C-alpha atoms as a PDB file:
ATOM      1  CA  MET A   1     -10.896  14.870  12.585  1.00  0.00           C
ATOM      2  CA  GLY A   2     -14.232  15.690  10.954  1.00  0.00           C
ATOM      3  CA  THR A   3     -17.158  13.313  10.591  1.00  0.00           C
ATOM      4  CA  SER A   4     -16.732  12.884   6.829  1.00  0.00           C
ATOM      5  CA  THR A   5     -13.022  12.091   7.278  1.00  0.00           C
ATOM      6  CA  THR A   6     -13.857   9.522   9.942  1.00  0.00           C
ATOM      7  CA  VAL A   7     -16.419   7.897   7.657  1.00  0.00           C
ATOM      8  CA  GLU A   8     -13.994   7.875   4.698  1.00  0.00           C
ATOM      9  CA  CYS A   9     -11.257   6.275   6.820  1.00  0.00           C
ATOM     10  CA  GLY A  10     -13.674   3.700   8.173  1.00  0.00           C
ATOM     11  CA  LEU A  11     -14.831   2.771   4.681  1.00  0.00           C
ATOM     12  CA  ALA A  12     -11.248   2.499   3.425  1.00  0.00           C
ATOM     13  CA  ASP A  13     -10.309   0.310   6.398  1.00  0.00           C
ATOM     14  CA  GLY A  14     -13.291  -1.950   5.744  1.00  0.00           C
ATOM     15  CA  LYS A  15     -12.465  -2.297   2.048  1.00  0.00           C
ATOM     16  CA  THR A  16      -8.892  -3.281   2.853  1.00  0.00           C
ATOM     17  CA  THR A  17      -9.975  -5.826   5.454  1.00  0.00           C
ATOM     18  CA  ASN A  18     -12.639  -7.326   3.205  1.00  0.00           C
ATOM     19  CA  HIS A  19     -10.206  -7.908   0.329  1.00  0.00           C
ATOM     20  CA  PHE A  20      -7.176  -9.141   2.240  1.00  0.00           C
ATOM     21  CA  ALA A  21      -6.526 -12.853   2.397  1.00  0.00           C
ATOM     22  CA  LEU A  22      -3.362 -14.366   3.806  1.00  0.00           C
ATOM     23  CA  SER A  23      -2.373 -17.761   2.507  1.00  0.00           C
ATOM     24  CA  ALA A  24       0.242 -20.073   3.919  1.00  0.00           C
ATOM     25  CA  GLY A  25       3.521 -20.298   2.107  1.00  0.00           C
ATOM     26  CA  ASP A  26       7.146 -19.356   2.211  1.00  0.00           C
ATOM     27  CA  PRO A  27       8.034 -16.145   4.029  1.00  0.00           C
ATOM     28  CA  LEU A  28       8.319 -13.078   1.827  1.00  0.00           C
ATOM     29  CA  PRO A  29      11.845 -12.239   0.653  1.00  0.00           C
ATOM     30  CA  VAL A  30      11.337  -8.538   1.369  1.00  0.00           C
ATOM     31  CA  PRO A  31      11.336  -6.560   4.627  1.00  0.00           C
ATOM     32  CA  LEU A  32       8.025  -5.512   6.139  1.00  0.00           C
ATOM     33  CA  THR A  33       7.276  -2.191   7.772  1.00  0.00           C
ATOM     34  CA  VAL A  34       4.189  -2.377   9.963  1.00  0.00           C
ATOM     35  CA  PHE A  35       2.334   0.756  11.076  1.00  0.00           C
ATOM     36  CA  GLY A  36       0.061   1.041  14.099  1.00  0.00           C
ATOM     37  CA  GLY A  37      -1.522   3.620  16.343  1.00  0.00           C
ATOM     38  CA  GLU A  38      -0.283   3.987  19.910  1.00  0.00           C
ATOM     39  CA  ASP A  39      -3.871   4.042  21.187  1.00  0.00           C
ATOM     40  CA  ASP A  40      -5.141   1.245  18.923  1.00  0.00           C
ATOM     41  CA  ARG A  41      -6.572  -1.948  20.368  1.00  0.00           C
ATOM     42  CA  ILE A  42      -4.032  -3.844  18.242  1.00  0.00           C
ATOM     43  CA  THR A  43      -1.078  -4.537  20.520  1.00  0.00           C
ATOM     44  CA  ALA A  44       2.618  -4.144  19.803  1.00  0.00           C
ATOM     45  CA  ASP A  45       2.939  -7.943  19.970  1.00  0.00           C
ATOM     46  CA  GLU A  46       0.255  -8.333  17.301  1.00  0.00           C
ATOM     47  CA  LEU A  47       2.060  -5.854  15.067  1.00  0.00           C
ATOM     48  CA  GLU A  48       5.377  -7.652  15.649  1.00  0.00           C
ATOM     49  CA  ALA A  49       3.711 -10.948  14.666  1.00  0.00           C
ATOM     50  CA  TRP A  50       3.737  -9.768  11.037  1.00  0.00           C
ATOM     51  CA  GLY A  51       7.442 -10.651  11.177  1.00  0.00           C
ATOM     52  CA  GLU A  52       6.449 -14.306  10.787  1.00  0.00           C
ATOM     53  CA  HIS A  53       5.635 -13.562   7.146  1.00  0.00           C
ATOM     54  CA  THR A  54       9.064 -12.337   6.031  1.00  0.00           C
ATOM     55  CA  ALA A  55      12.584 -13.670   5.930  1.00  0.00           C
ATOM     56  CA  ALA A  56      14.014 -10.171   5.507  1.00  0.00           C
ATOM     57  CA  GLY A  57      13.195  -8.412   8.782  1.00  0.00           C
ATOM     58  CA  THR A  58      10.333  -6.394  10.192  1.00  0.00           C
ATOM     59  CA  THR A  59      10.144  -2.833  11.446  1.00  0.00           C
ATOM     60  CA  VAL A  60       7.184  -1.740  13.569  1.00  0.00           C
ATOM     61  CA  ARG A  61       6.349   1.958  13.702  1.00  0.00           C
ATOM     62  CA  ARG A  62       3.727   3.332  16.088  1.00  0.00           C
ATOM     63  CA  PHE A  63       2.191   6.761  15.730  1.00  0.00           C
ATOM     64  CA  PRO A  64       0.091   8.944  18.017  1.00  0.00           C
ATOM     65  CA  GLY A  65      -3.575   8.124  17.682  1.00  0.00           C
ATOM     66  CA  GLY A  66      -5.844   5.170  17.433  1.00  0.00           C
ATOM     67  CA  HIS A  67      -6.771   2.726  14.704  1.00  0.00           C
ATOM     68  CA  PHE A  68      -7.251   5.567  12.231  1.00  0.00           C
ATOM     69  CA  HIS A  69      -3.927   7.267  13.026  1.00  0.00           C
ATOM     70  CA  LEU A  70      -3.276   7.687   9.304  1.00  0.00           C
ATOM     71  CA  CYS A  71      -6.422   9.769   8.927  1.00  0.00           C
ATOM     72  CA  GLU A  72      -5.874  11.633  12.180  1.00  0.00           C
ATOM     73  CA  SER A  73      -2.341  12.775  11.303  1.00  0.00           C
ATOM     74  CA  PRO A  74      -1.181  11.580   7.871  1.00  0.00           C
ATOM     75  CA  ALA A  75       2.116  13.495   7.512  1.00  0.00           C
ATOM     76  CA  PRO A  76       4.257  11.398   9.930  1.00  0.00           C
ATOM     77  CA  VAL A  77       2.952   8.160   8.409  1.00  0.00           C
ATOM     78  CA  GLN A  78       3.561   9.420   4.878  1.00  0.00           C
ATOM     79  CA  ARG A  79       7.153  10.325   5.779  1.00  0.00           C
ATOM     80  CA  ALA A  80       7.747   6.918   7.384  1.00  0.00           C
ATOM     81  CA  LEU A  81       6.248   5.127   4.382  1.00  0.00           C
ATOM     82  CA  ALA A  82       8.397   7.138   1.964  1.00  0.00           C
ATOM     83  CA  ALA A  83      11.509   6.320   4.017  1.00  0.00           C
ATOM     84  CA  ALA A  84      10.657   2.599   4.102  1.00  0.00           C
ATOM     85  CA  LEU A  85      10.075   2.517   0.350  1.00  0.00           C
ATOM     86  CA  ALA A  86      13.294   4.428  -0.304  1.00  0.00           C
ATOM     87  CA  THR A  87      15.231   1.879   1.743  1.00  0.00           C
ATOM     88  CA  VAL A  88      13.758  -1.010  -0.230  1.00  0.00           C
ATOM     89  CA  GLY A  89      14.426   0.810  -3.511  1.00  0.00           C
ATOM     90  CA  ALA A  90      18.044   1.473  -2.552  1.00  0.00           C
ATOM     91  CA  ALA A  91      18.571  -2.169  -1.603  1.00  0.00           C
ATOM     92  CA  GLU A  92      17.052  -3.315  -4.885  1.00  0.00           C
ATOM     93  CA  ARG A  93      19.260  -0.969  -6.911  1.00  0.00           C
ATOM     94  CA  SER A  94      22.396  -2.192  -5.108  1.00  0.00           C
ATOM     95  CA  THR A  95      21.697  -5.856  -5.996  1.00  0.00           C
ATOM     96  CA  ARG A  96      21.198  -5.297  -9.736  1.00  0.00           C
ATOM     97  CA  CYS A  97      23.938  -6.349 -12.165  1.00  0.00           C
END
Protein backbone atom coordinates (compact mmCIF):
# COMPACT_ATOMS: atom_id res chain seq x y z
CA MET A 1 0.00 0.00 0.00
CA GLY A 2 1.43 3.38 -1.01
CA THR A 3 1.96 6.33 1.30
CA SER A 4 -0.89 8.39 -0.18
CA THR A 5 -3.29 5.44 0.19
CA THR A 6 -2.23 4.99 3.81
CA VAL A 7 -2.81 8.68 4.50
CA GLU A 8 -6.22 8.63 2.76
CA CYS A 9 -7.31 5.57 4.77
CA GLY A 10 -6.10 7.14 7.99
CA LEU A 11 -8.01 10.34 7.30
CA ALA A 12 -11.18 8.42 6.43
CA ASP A 13 -10.87 6.35 9.61
CA GLY A 14 -10.43 9.50 11.68
CA LYS A 15 -13.45 11.19 10.11
CA THR A 16 -15.63 8.17 10.83
CA THR A 17 -14.44 7.94 14.43
CA ASN A 18 -14.88 11.66 15.05
CA HIS A 19 -18.49 11.67 13.84
CA PHE A 20 -19.74 8.44 15.38
CA ALA A 21 -21.72 8.62 18.59
CA LEU A 22 -23.49 5.66 20.12
CA SER A 23 -26.47 6.40 22.30
CA ALA A 24 -28.26 4.02 24.61
CA GLY A 25 -31.57 2.66 23.47
CA ASP A 26 -33.35 -0.38 22.19
CA PRO A 27 -31.30 -2.83 20.14
CA LEU A 28 -31.50 -2.35 16.39
CA PRO A 29 -34.07 -4.50 14.60
CA VAL A 30 -31.63 -5.32 11.80
CA PRO A 31 -28.67 -7.72 11.63
CA LEU A 32 -25.16 -6.32 11.92
CA THR A 33 -22.16 -7.43 9.92
CA VAL A 34 -18.91 -6.36 11.56
CA PHE A 35 -15.63 -6.27 9.64
CA GLY A 36 -12.16 -6.43 11.16
CA GLY A 37 -8.57 -7.13 10.21
CA GLU A 38 -6.92 -10.32 11.41
CA ASP A 39 -3.84 -8.36 12.49
CA ASP A 40 -5.74 -5.43 14.02
CA ARG A 41 -5.37 -4.55 17.68
CA ILE A 42 -9.16 -4.81 17.95
CA THR A 43 -9.88 -8.31 19.21
CA ALA A 44 -12.48 -10.79 18.00
CA ASP A 45 -14.29 -10.35 21.33
CA GLU A 46 -14.48 -6.58 20.79
CA LEU A 47 -15.91 -7.12 17.31
CA GLU A 48 -18.43 -9.64 18.68
CA ALA A 49 -19.50 -7.08 21.31
CA TRP A 50 -21.28 -5.14 18.55
CA GLY A 51 -23.92 -7.87 18.86
CA GLU A 52 -25.19 -6.12 21.98
CA HIS A 53 -26.66 -3.43 19.72
CA THR A 54 -28.96 -5.63 17.64
CA ALA A 55 -31.84 -7.99 18.24
CA ALA A 56 -31.42 -9.55 14.80
CA GLY A 57 -28.04 -11.28 14.95
CA THR A 58 -24.44 -10.37 14.28
CA THR A 59 -21.91 -11.73 11.81
CA VAL A 60 -18.22 -10.99 12.30
CA ARG A 61 -15.94 -11.20 9.27
CA ARG A 62 -12.16 -10.93 9.59
CA PHE A 63 -9.88 -10.25 6.66
CA PRO A 64 -6.12 -10.49 6.16
CA GLY A 65 -4.40 -7.31 7.23
CA GLY A 66 -4.47 -4.80 10.00
CA HIS A 67 -6.72 -1.92 10.96
CA PHE A 68 -6.71 -0.64 7.38
CA HIS A 69 -7.52 -4.02 5.81
CA LEU A 70 -10.10 -2.34 3.58
CA CYS A 71 -7.43 -0.14 2.05
CA GLU A 72 -4.87 -2.92 1.90
CA SER A 73 -7.13 -5.33 -0.02
CA PRO A 74 -10.57 -3.88 -0.78
CA ALA A 75 -12.00 -6.59 -3.08
CA PRO A 76 -12.76 -9.26 -0.42
CA VAL A 77 -14.37 -6.66 1.86
CA GLN A 78 -16.42 -5.24 -1.00
CA ARG A 79 -17.70 -8.73 -1.87
CA ALA A 80 -18.59 -9.45 1.76
CA LEU A 81 -20.36 -6.10 2.10
CA ALA A 82 -22.33 -6.69 -1.10
CA ALA A 83 -23.35 -10.15 0.14
CA ALA A 84 -24.44 -8.78 3.53
CA LEU A 85 -26.50 -6.03 1.90
CA ALA A 86 -28.07 -8.50 -0.53
CA THR A 87 -29.14 -10.70 2.38
CA VAL A 88 -30.77 -7.77 4.16
CA GLY A 89 -32.45 -6.66 0.92
CA ALA A 90 -33.81 -10.15 0.29
CA ALA A 91 -35.18 -10.37 3.82
CA GLU A 92 -36.83 -6.97 3.47
CA ARG A 93 -38.44 -7.92 0.16
CA SER A 94 -39.82 -11.16 1.63
CA THR A 95 -41.59 -9.32 4.48
CA ARG A 96 -43.40 -6.78 2.29
CA CYS A 97 -47.14 -7.18 1.66
